């Protein structure tokens, strides 16, 4: 009898989850890291405890996922990353960054950053979104992303005390 109840309850849960239903979010609640399939550039600042790294992130959405690189102001590549669906990988890290805990933190942060706008990722439905005075806030566990009206994107990892700032470089701002 208990087994039958469990099976019936599991069937009800599957139907109520709406596995085949589509899930839509208002366009204003998307982060929109890239508006075209071209290479997008961001002036980037990463702050962790008592360390601050500034540089430029170049990122491209190729239809399947995100590919990019982060380099410092002198043009030295810090790392490359690839975010395809639910997976995100860090590659070619500088030796002082190539530690398992740094790689794990960066992977989780970038997975949220580039996965929160893709409905086919697991994290898409788990994040909470809200608008406060033209500022979009996306929250997932100890991580929070904010998109301000001036276009600056701020990712805060409260657990590891890290803050990423991304300011999009357009042709007008690069002159």
N, C-alpha and C. Protein backbone atom coordinates (compact mmCIF):
# COMPACT_ATOMS: atom_id res chain seq x y z
N UNK A 1 0.82 -1.19 0.00
CA UNK A 1 0.00 0.00 0.00
C UNK A 1 0.87 1.26 0.00
N UNK A 2 1.94 1.26 0.83
CA UNK A 2 2.82 2.42 0.89
C UNK A 2 3.51 2.65 -0.43
N UNK A 3 3.89 1.56 -1.11
CA UNK A 3 4.57 1.67 -2.39
C UNK A 3 3.64 2.31 -3.41
N UNK A 4 2.37 1.91 -3.43
CA UNK A 4 1.42 2.48 -4.37
C UNK A 4 1.22 3.98 -4.11
N UNK A 5 1.16 4.35 -2.84
CA UNK A 5 1.01 5.77 -2.51
C UNK A 5 2.22 6.58 -2.96
N UNK A 6 3.41 5.99 -2.77
CA UNK A 6 4.62 6.68 -3.20
C UNK A 6 4.65 6.86 -4.72
N UNK A 7 4.25 5.83 -5.46
CA UNK A 7 4.22 5.92 -6.91
C UNK A 7 3.20 6.95 -7.37
N UNK A 8 2.02 6.95 -6.75
CA UNK A 8 0.99 7.93 -7.11
C UNK A 8 1.45 9.34 -6.79
N UNK A 9 2.08 9.50 -5.63
CA UNK A 9 2.57 10.82 -5.24
C UNK A 9 3.67 11.31 -6.19
N UNK A 10 4.56 10.40 -6.60
CA UNK A 10 5.62 10.77 -7.54
C UNK A 10 5.03 11.17 -8.88
N UNK A 11 4.00 10.48 -9.34
CA UNK A 11 3.33 10.85 -10.59
C UNK A 11 2.70 12.23 -10.50
N UNK A 12 2.09 12.54 -9.38
CA UNK A 12 1.49 13.87 -9.18
C UNK A 12 2.56 14.96 -9.19
N UNK A 13 3.69 14.66 -8.57
CA UNK A 13 4.77 15.64 -8.55
C UNK A 13 5.29 15.92 -9.96
N UNK A 14 5.45 14.86 -10.76
CA UNK A 14 5.93 15.04 -12.12
C UNK A 14 4.97 15.86 -12.95
N UNK A 15 3.66 15.63 -12.78
CA UNK A 15 2.68 16.40 -13.54
C UNK A 15 2.64 17.84 -13.08
N UNK A 16 2.77 18.07 -11.79
CA UNK A 16 2.71 19.44 -11.28
C UNK A 16 3.96 20.23 -11.61
N UNK A 17 5.10 19.54 -11.83
CA UNK A 17 6.32 20.25 -12.19
C UNK A 17 6.22 20.83 -13.58
N UNK A 18 5.39 20.24 -14.41
CA UNK A 18 5.24 20.74 -15.77
C UNK A 18 6.50 20.53 -16.58
N UNK A 19 6.95 19.30 -16.65
CA UNK A 19 8.21 19.02 -17.32
C UNK A 19 8.17 19.45 -18.78
N UNK A 20 7.02 19.39 -19.43
CA UNK A 20 6.93 19.76 -20.83
C UNK A 20 6.53 21.21 -21.04
N UNK A 21 6.23 21.94 -20.00
CA UNK A 21 5.77 23.31 -20.14
C UNK A 21 6.94 24.26 -20.36
N UNK A 22 6.66 25.34 -21.06
CA UNK A 22 7.69 26.35 -21.26
C UNK A 22 7.66 27.34 -20.11
N UNK A 23 8.80 27.92 -19.86
CA UNK A 23 8.94 28.86 -18.75
C UNK A 23 9.45 30.17 -19.33
N UNK A 24 8.71 31.24 -19.16
CA UNK A 24 9.13 32.52 -19.72
C UNK A 24 9.41 33.51 -18.60
N UNK A 25 10.33 34.38 -18.88
CA UNK A 25 10.69 35.45 -17.96
C UNK A 25 10.62 36.75 -18.75
N UNK A 26 10.13 37.80 -18.13
CA UNK A 26 10.07 39.11 -18.75
C UNK A 26 11.46 39.52 -19.24
N UNK A 27 11.54 40.10 -20.44
CA UNK A 27 12.84 40.48 -21.01
C UNK A 27 13.63 41.44 -20.13
N UNK A 28 12.95 42.25 -19.35
CA UNK A 28 13.64 43.19 -18.47
C UNK A 28 14.37 42.47 -17.34
N UNK A 29 14.01 41.20 -17.08
CA UNK A 29 14.62 40.44 -16.00
C UNK A 29 15.79 39.56 -16.47
N UNK A 30 16.22 39.75 -17.71
CA UNK A 30 17.40 39.05 -18.21
C UNK A 30 18.64 39.90 -18.00
N UNK A 31 19.74 39.25 -17.75
CA UNK A 31 21.00 39.95 -17.53
C UNK A 31 21.54 40.56 -18.82
N UNK A 32 21.42 39.83 -19.92
CA UNK A 32 21.84 40.28 -21.25
C UNK A 32 23.31 40.66 -21.29
N UNK A 33 24.16 39.68 -21.11
CA UNK A 33 25.60 39.92 -21.18
C UNK A 33 26.02 40.30 -22.59
N UNK A 34 25.33 39.81 -23.61
CA UNK A 34 25.68 40.14 -24.99
C UNK A 34 24.41 40.37 -25.79
N UNK A 35 24.43 41.38 -26.63
CA UNK A 35 23.25 41.65 -27.44
C UNK A 35 23.42 41.18 -28.88
N UNK A 36 24.63 40.82 -29.27
CA UNK A 36 24.88 40.30 -30.61
C UNK A 36 25.79 39.09 -30.49
N UNK A 37 26.04 38.46 -31.63
CA UNK A 37 26.96 37.32 -31.64
C UNK A 37 28.41 37.76 -31.80
N UNK A 38 28.66 39.06 -31.80
CA UNK A 38 30.02 39.58 -31.91
C UNK A 38 30.75 39.44 -30.58
N UNK A 39 32.03 39.74 -30.59
CA UNK A 39 32.83 39.72 -29.36
C UNK A 39 32.45 40.94 -28.52
N UNK A 40 32.13 40.71 -27.27
CA UNK A 40 31.80 41.78 -26.35
C UNK A 40 32.96 41.95 -25.39
N UNK A 41 33.28 43.21 -25.07
CA UNK A 41 34.40 43.51 -24.18
C UNK A 41 33.87 44.20 -22.93
N UNK A 42 34.46 43.81 -21.80
CA UNK A 42 34.07 44.39 -20.52
C UNK A 42 35.32 44.81 -19.76
N UNK A 43 35.29 46.03 -19.23
CA UNK A 43 36.32 46.43 -18.27
C UNK A 43 35.97 45.71 -16.98
N UNK A 44 36.91 44.97 -16.43
CA UNK A 44 36.63 44.07 -15.33
C UNK A 44 37.49 44.39 -14.12
N UNK A 45 36.86 44.34 -12.96
CA UNK A 45 37.58 44.46 -11.69
C UNK A 45 37.15 43.31 -10.80
N UNK A 46 38.11 42.55 -10.30
CA UNK A 46 37.82 41.45 -9.39
C UNK A 46 38.50 41.78 -8.05
N UNK A 47 37.69 41.81 -7.00
CA UNK A 47 38.20 42.11 -5.67
C UNK A 47 37.96 40.90 -4.78
N UNK A 48 39.01 40.43 -4.12
CA UNK A 48 38.92 39.30 -3.21
C UNK A 48 39.75 39.61 -1.97
N UNK A 49 39.07 39.72 -0.84
CA UNK A 49 39.71 40.03 0.45
C UNK A 49 40.62 41.24 0.33
N UNK A 50 41.91 41.07 0.18
CA UNK A 50 42.82 42.22 0.09
C UNK A 50 43.56 42.26 -1.25
N UNK A 51 42.99 41.64 -2.28
CA UNK A 51 43.59 41.61 -3.61
C UNK A 51 42.61 42.21 -4.61
N UNK A 52 43.12 43.02 -5.53
CA UNK A 52 42.27 43.57 -6.58
C UNK A 52 42.96 43.40 -7.92
N UNK A 53 42.24 42.83 -8.88
CA UNK A 53 42.75 42.61 -10.23
C UNK A 53 41.86 43.38 -11.19
N UNK A 54 42.48 44.20 -12.05
CA UNK A 54 41.72 44.92 -13.06
C UNK A 54 42.20 44.48 -14.43
N UNK A 55 41.31 44.56 -15.40
CA UNK A 55 41.68 44.17 -16.74
C UNK A 55 40.49 44.21 -17.66
N UNK A 56 40.54 43.36 -18.67
CA UNK A 56 39.48 43.32 -19.67
C UNK A 56 39.06 41.88 -19.91
N UNK A 57 37.74 41.67 -20.01
CA UNK A 57 37.20 40.36 -20.35
C UNK A 57 36.61 40.46 -21.74
N UNK A 58 37.00 39.55 -22.59
CA UNK A 58 36.40 39.44 -23.92
C UNK A 58 35.59 38.16 -23.92
N UNK A 59 34.34 38.27 -24.38
CA UNK A 59 33.43 37.13 -24.34
C UNK A 59 32.61 37.11 -25.63
N UNK A 60 32.31 35.90 -26.07
CA UNK A 60 31.52 35.72 -27.28
C UNK A 60 30.52 34.61 -27.06
N UNK A 61 29.29 34.84 -27.48
CA UNK A 61 28.26 33.81 -27.46
C UNK A 61 28.16 33.27 -28.87
N UNK A 62 28.46 32.00 -29.05
CA UNK A 62 28.49 31.43 -30.40
C UNK A 62 27.24 30.65 -30.76
N UNK A 63 26.17 30.81 -30.01
CA UNK A 63 24.94 30.08 -30.28
C UNK A 63 24.79 28.87 -29.38
N UNK A 64 25.90 28.21 -29.05
CA UNK A 64 25.87 27.05 -28.15
C UNK A 64 26.20 27.42 -26.72
N UNK A 65 27.07 28.38 -26.55
CA UNK A 65 27.50 28.76 -25.22
C UNK A 65 28.43 29.95 -25.27
N UNK A 66 29.07 30.20 -24.15
CA UNK A 66 29.94 31.34 -24.00
C UNK A 66 31.39 30.90 -24.00
N UNK A 67 32.22 31.68 -24.65
CA UNK A 67 33.66 31.47 -24.64
C UNK A 67 34.31 32.82 -24.38
N UNK A 68 35.33 32.82 -23.57
CA UNK A 68 35.95 34.11 -23.29
C UNK A 68 37.30 33.99 -22.64
N UNK A 69 37.89 35.14 -22.43
CA UNK A 69 39.18 35.22 -21.79
C UNK A 69 39.22 36.47 -20.91
N UNK A 70 40.00 36.39 -19.87
CA UNK A 70 40.20 37.53 -18.98
C UNK A 70 41.68 37.84 -18.94
N UNK A 71 42.03 39.08 -19.23
CA UNK A 71 43.43 39.48 -19.21
C UNK A 71 43.58 40.74 -18.38
N UNK A 72 44.77 40.94 -17.83
CA UNK A 72 45.00 42.13 -17.02
C UNK A 72 45.31 43.32 -17.92
N UNK A 73 45.61 44.45 -17.32
CA UNK A 73 45.84 45.68 -18.08
C UNK A 73 47.08 45.64 -18.97
N UNK A 74 47.99 44.73 -18.67
CA UNK A 74 49.20 44.61 -19.48
C UNK A 74 49.04 43.60 -20.61
N UNK A 75 47.88 42.99 -20.73
CA UNK A 75 47.63 42.02 -21.80
C UNK A 75 48.02 40.61 -21.44
N UNK A 76 48.33 40.35 -20.18
CA UNK A 76 48.67 38.99 -19.75
C UNK A 76 47.38 38.25 -19.45
N UNK A 77 47.21 37.11 -20.12
CA UNK A 77 45.98 36.34 -19.96
C UNK A 77 45.96 35.66 -18.60
N UNK A 78 44.89 35.92 -17.83
CA UNK A 78 44.74 35.28 -16.53
C UNK A 78 44.14 33.89 -16.67
N UNK A 79 43.09 33.78 -17.49
CA UNK A 79 42.48 32.48 -17.77
C UNK A 79 41.51 32.59 -18.93
N UNK A 80 41.18 31.44 -19.50
CA UNK A 80 40.12 31.29 -20.50
C UNK A 80 38.98 30.56 -19.84
N UNK A 81 37.78 30.71 -20.38
CA UNK A 81 36.64 29.96 -19.86
C UNK A 81 35.71 29.59 -20.99
N UNK A 82 35.00 28.50 -20.78
CA UNK A 82 33.97 28.02 -21.70
C UNK A 82 32.77 27.63 -20.86
N UNK A 83 31.62 28.21 -21.16
CA UNK A 83 30.37 27.87 -20.47
C UNK A 83 29.38 27.37 -21.50
N UNK A 84 29.17 26.05 -21.53
CA UNK A 84 28.25 25.42 -22.45
C UNK A 84 27.13 24.76 -21.65
N UNK A 85 25.94 25.32 -21.73
CA UNK A 85 24.80 24.76 -21.00
C UNK A 85 25.04 24.78 -19.50
N UNK A 86 25.02 23.60 -18.88
CA UNK A 86 25.19 23.49 -17.43
C UNK A 86 26.64 23.41 -17.00
N UNK A 87 27.54 23.29 -17.95
CA UNK A 87 28.96 23.13 -17.62
C UNK A 87 29.72 24.42 -17.85
N UNK A 88 30.69 24.65 -17.00
CA UNK A 88 31.59 25.79 -17.16
C UNK A 88 32.98 25.29 -16.80
N UNK A 89 33.95 25.60 -17.66
CA UNK A 89 35.32 25.15 -17.41
C UNK A 89 36.28 26.32 -17.48
N UNK A 90 37.23 26.33 -16.58
CA UNK A 90 38.32 27.30 -16.59
C UNK A 90 39.54 26.62 -17.18
N UNK A 91 40.19 27.29 -18.11
CA UNK A 91 41.36 26.71 -18.78
C UNK A 91 42.49 27.72 -18.82
N UNK A 92 43.69 27.23 -18.96
CA UNK A 92 44.89 28.05 -19.14
C UNK A 92 45.04 29.10 -18.04
N UNK A 93 44.81 28.72 -16.81
CA UNK A 93 44.98 29.64 -15.69
C UNK A 93 46.46 29.91 -15.46
N UNK A 94 46.77 31.12 -15.03
CA UNK A 94 48.14 31.41 -14.63
C UNK A 94 48.50 30.50 -13.46
N UNK A 95 49.76 30.14 -13.30
CA UNK A 95 50.13 29.19 -12.25
C UNK A 95 49.69 29.58 -10.84
N UNK A 96 49.73 30.88 -10.50
CA UNK A 96 49.33 31.25 -9.14
C UNK A 96 47.81 31.18 -8.95
N UNK A 97 47.04 31.12 -10.03
CA UNK A 97 45.58 30.96 -9.94
C UNK A 97 45.14 29.51 -10.07
N UNK A 98 46.05 28.65 -10.52
CA UNK A 98 45.68 27.26 -10.80
C UNK A 98 45.67 26.41 -9.53
N UNK A 99 44.71 26.69 -8.68
CA UNK A 99 44.47 25.94 -7.45
C UNK A 99 43.04 25.44 -7.50
N UNK A 100 42.76 24.30 -6.92
CA UNK A 100 41.43 23.70 -7.03
C UNK A 100 40.35 24.61 -6.45
N UNK A 101 40.61 25.28 -5.35
CA UNK A 101 39.60 26.10 -4.71
C UNK A 101 39.35 27.39 -5.49
N UNK A 102 40.37 27.95 -6.14
CA UNK A 102 40.18 29.13 -6.99
C UNK A 102 39.41 28.73 -8.24
N UNK A 103 39.79 27.60 -8.83
CA UNK A 103 39.11 27.11 -10.03
C UNK A 103 37.63 26.83 -9.73
N UNK A 104 37.36 26.23 -8.57
CA UNK A 104 35.98 25.90 -8.19
C UNK A 104 35.15 27.17 -7.99
N UNK A 105 35.71 28.17 -7.33
CA UNK A 105 35.00 29.43 -7.10
C UNK A 105 34.72 30.15 -8.41
N UNK A 106 35.73 30.27 -9.26
CA UNK A 106 35.54 30.93 -10.55
C UNK A 106 34.53 30.20 -11.41
N UNK A 107 34.58 28.88 -11.42
CA UNK A 107 33.64 28.09 -12.20
C UNK A 107 32.21 28.33 -11.75
N UNK A 108 31.96 28.31 -10.44
CA UNK A 108 30.62 28.55 -9.92
C UNK A 108 30.11 29.95 -10.22
N UNK A 109 30.98 30.93 -10.09
CA UNK A 109 30.58 32.31 -10.35
C UNK A 109 30.25 32.52 -11.83
N UNK A 110 31.09 32.00 -12.71
CA UNK A 110 30.86 32.17 -14.14
C UNK A 110 29.69 31.32 -14.62
N UNK A 111 29.46 30.17 -14.00
CA UNK A 111 28.29 29.35 -14.35
C UNK A 111 27.01 30.12 -14.08
N UNK A 112 26.96 30.82 -12.96
CA UNK A 112 25.78 31.64 -12.65
C UNK A 112 25.70 32.82 -13.61
N UNK A 113 26.80 33.49 -13.84
CA UNK A 113 26.81 34.69 -14.68
C UNK A 113 26.33 34.39 -16.10
N UNK A 114 26.78 33.29 -16.67
CA UNK A 114 26.43 32.98 -18.05
C UNK A 114 25.31 31.96 -18.18
N UNK A 115 24.83 31.41 -17.07
CA UNK A 115 23.74 30.44 -17.14
C UNK A 115 22.39 30.98 -16.73
N UNK A 116 22.38 32.15 -16.08
CA UNK A 116 21.11 32.65 -15.55
C UNK A 116 20.18 33.15 -16.65
N UNK A 117 20.66 33.35 -17.86
CA UNK A 117 19.83 33.81 -18.97
C UNK A 117 19.44 32.71 -19.94
N UNK A 118 19.95 31.50 -19.74
CA UNK A 118 19.67 30.41 -20.69
C UNK A 118 18.64 29.45 -20.10
N UNK A 119 17.43 29.40 -20.69
CA UNK A 119 16.38 28.54 -20.15
C UNK A 119 16.72 27.05 -20.14
N UNK A 120 17.73 26.62 -20.91
CA UNK A 120 18.08 25.20 -20.95
C UNK A 120 19.05 24.80 -19.85
N UNK A 121 19.45 25.71 -18.98
CA UNK A 121 20.37 25.37 -17.90
C UNK A 121 19.58 25.08 -16.62
N UNK A 122 20.19 24.31 -15.74
CA UNK A 122 19.55 23.96 -14.47
C UNK A 122 19.37 25.17 -13.57
N UNK A 123 20.31 26.09 -13.62
CA UNK A 123 20.30 27.22 -12.70
C UNK A 123 19.24 28.26 -13.06
N UNK A 124 18.75 28.23 -14.31
CA UNK A 124 17.80 29.24 -14.80
C UNK A 124 16.56 29.33 -13.91
N UNK A 125 16.00 28.19 -13.55
CA UNK A 125 14.78 28.18 -12.75
C UNK A 125 15.04 28.34 -11.25
N UNK A 126 16.28 28.15 -10.82
CA UNK A 126 16.59 28.21 -9.40
C UNK A 126 16.89 29.61 -8.90
N UNK A 127 17.19 30.53 -9.81
CA UNK A 127 17.54 31.89 -9.38
C UNK A 127 16.28 32.69 -9.11
N UNK A 128 16.39 33.64 -8.20
CA UNK A 128 15.28 34.56 -7.98
C UNK A 128 15.66 35.91 -8.59
N UNK A 129 14.68 36.51 -9.26
CA UNK A 129 14.91 37.77 -9.97
C UNK A 129 13.95 38.82 -9.45
N UNK A 130 14.43 40.06 -9.39
CA UNK A 130 13.53 41.17 -9.06
C UNK A 130 14.14 42.48 -9.54
N UNK A 131 13.27 43.44 -9.76
CA UNK A 131 13.69 44.78 -10.19
C UNK A 131 13.45 45.75 -9.04
N UNK A 132 14.46 46.54 -8.71
CA UNK A 132 14.36 47.60 -7.70
C UNK A 132 14.91 48.88 -8.30
N UNK A 133 14.02 49.82 -8.61
CA UNK A 133 14.44 51.12 -9.15
C UNK A 133 15.38 50.96 -10.34
N UNK A 134 14.97 50.22 -11.35
CA UNK A 134 15.74 49.99 -12.58
C UNK A 134 17.01 49.19 -12.36
N UNK A 135 17.18 48.58 -11.21
CA UNK A 135 18.33 47.71 -10.95
C UNK A 135 17.82 46.27 -10.87
N UNK A 136 18.34 45.44 -11.76
CA UNK A 136 17.97 44.02 -11.76
C UNK A 136 18.83 43.29 -10.74
N UNK A 137 18.20 42.48 -9.90
CA UNK A 137 18.92 41.66 -8.93
C UNK A 137 18.59 40.19 -9.18
N UNK A 138 19.62 39.39 -9.35
CA UNK A 138 19.49 37.95 -9.54
C UNK A 138 20.24 37.29 -8.39
N UNK A 139 19.55 36.43 -7.63
CA UNK A 139 20.16 35.82 -6.46
C UNK A 139 20.12 34.30 -6.57
N UNK A 140 21.22 33.67 -6.19
CA UNK A 140 21.29 32.22 -6.11
C UNK A 140 22.24 31.86 -4.96
N UNK A 141 21.67 31.31 -3.91
CA UNK A 141 22.42 30.96 -2.70
C UNK A 141 23.23 32.14 -2.19
N UNK A 142 24.55 32.03 -2.14
CA UNK A 142 25.37 33.11 -1.59
C UNK A 142 25.89 34.05 -2.67
N UNK A 143 25.37 33.92 -3.88
CA UNK A 143 25.82 34.77 -4.98
C UNK A 143 24.69 35.72 -5.40
N UNK A 144 25.08 36.94 -5.74
CA UNK A 144 24.09 37.94 -6.16
C UNK A 144 24.65 38.73 -7.33
N UNK A 145 23.83 38.84 -8.38
CA UNK A 145 24.20 39.63 -9.54
C UNK A 145 23.29 40.85 -9.59
N UNK A 146 23.86 42.00 -9.86
CA UNK A 146 23.08 43.22 -10.02
C UNK A 146 23.47 43.87 -11.34
N UNK A 147 22.44 44.27 -12.11
CA UNK A 147 22.66 45.05 -13.32
C UNK A 147 22.08 46.43 -13.08
N UNK A 148 22.95 47.43 -13.05
CA UNK A 148 22.55 48.78 -12.74
C UNK A 148 22.08 49.49 -14.01
N UNK A 149 21.33 50.59 -13.88
CA UNK A 149 20.82 51.29 -15.06
C UNK A 149 21.90 51.77 -16.03
N UNK A 150 23.10 52.05 -15.53
CA UNK A 150 24.18 52.50 -16.41
C UNK A 150 24.88 51.35 -17.14
N UNK A 151 24.42 50.11 -16.94
CA UNK A 151 24.96 48.95 -17.64
C UNK A 151 26.02 48.18 -16.88
N UNK A 152 26.44 48.66 -15.73
CA UNK A 152 27.46 47.96 -14.93
C UNK A 152 26.83 46.71 -14.32
N UNK A 153 27.54 45.59 -14.41
CA UNK A 153 27.09 44.33 -13.83
C UNK A 153 28.01 44.01 -12.66
N UNK A 154 27.41 43.72 -11.52
CA UNK A 154 28.17 43.43 -10.29
C UNK A 154 27.78 42.04 -9.82
N UNK A 155 28.76 41.16 -9.69
CA UNK A 155 28.55 39.81 -9.18
C UNK A 155 29.25 39.73 -7.83
N UNK A 156 28.49 39.39 -6.80
CA UNK A 156 29.05 39.29 -5.46
C UNK A 156 28.93 37.86 -4.98
N UNK A 157 30.06 37.29 -4.58
CA UNK A 157 30.11 35.97 -3.98
C UNK A 157 30.34 36.19 -2.49
N UNK A 158 29.25 36.15 -1.71
CA UNK A 158 29.34 36.47 -0.28
C UNK A 158 30.12 35.42 0.49
N UNK A 159 30.03 34.19 0.06
CA UNK A 159 30.70 33.10 0.77
C UNK A 159 32.22 33.26 0.73
N UNK A 160 32.75 33.57 -0.45
CA UNK A 160 34.20 33.71 -0.61
C UNK A 160 34.67 35.16 -0.60
N UNK A 161 33.76 36.07 -0.29
CA UNK A 161 34.08 37.50 -0.19
C UNK A 161 34.76 38.03 -1.45
N UNK A 162 34.12 37.76 -2.60
CA UNK A 162 34.63 38.23 -3.89
C UNK A 162 33.58 39.11 -4.56
N UNK A 163 34.06 40.12 -5.26
CA UNK A 163 33.18 41.01 -6.01
C UNK A 163 33.76 41.19 -7.41
N UNK A 164 32.94 40.96 -8.43
CA UNK A 164 33.32 41.16 -9.81
C UNK A 164 32.52 42.35 -10.34
N UNK A 165 33.17 43.28 -11.02
CA UNK A 165 32.48 44.39 -11.68
C UNK A 165 32.77 44.30 -13.17
N UNK A 166 31.72 44.33 -13.98
CA UNK A 166 31.84 44.28 -15.43
C UNK A 166 31.19 45.52 -16.01
N UNK A 167 31.98 46.33 -16.71
CA UNK A 167 31.48 47.54 -17.34
C UNK A 167 31.70 47.37 -18.84
N UNK A 168 30.62 47.30 -19.60
CA UNK A 168 30.72 47.01 -21.03
C UNK A 168 31.43 48.14 -21.76
N UNK A 169 32.38 47.75 -22.61
CA UNK A 169 33.11 48.71 -23.43
C UNK A 169 32.45 48.75 -24.79
N UNK A 170 31.94 49.90 -25.16
CA UNK A 170 31.34 50.08 -26.48
C UNK A 170 32.28 50.92 -27.32
N UNK A 171 31.96 51.07 -28.58
CA UNK A 171 32.81 51.89 -29.45
C UNK A 171 32.88 53.32 -28.98
N UNK A 172 31.80 53.82 -28.36
CA UNK A 172 31.79 55.20 -27.87
C UNK A 172 32.70 55.36 -26.66
N UNK A 173 32.73 54.35 -25.76
CA UNK A 173 33.53 54.47 -24.54
C UNK A 173 35.00 54.14 -24.77
N UNK A 174 35.33 53.48 -25.87
CA UNK A 174 36.73 53.09 -26.09
C UNK A 174 37.54 54.21 -26.75
N UNK A 175 36.89 55.27 -27.18
CA UNK A 175 37.61 56.39 -27.82
C UNK A 175 38.18 57.34 -26.84
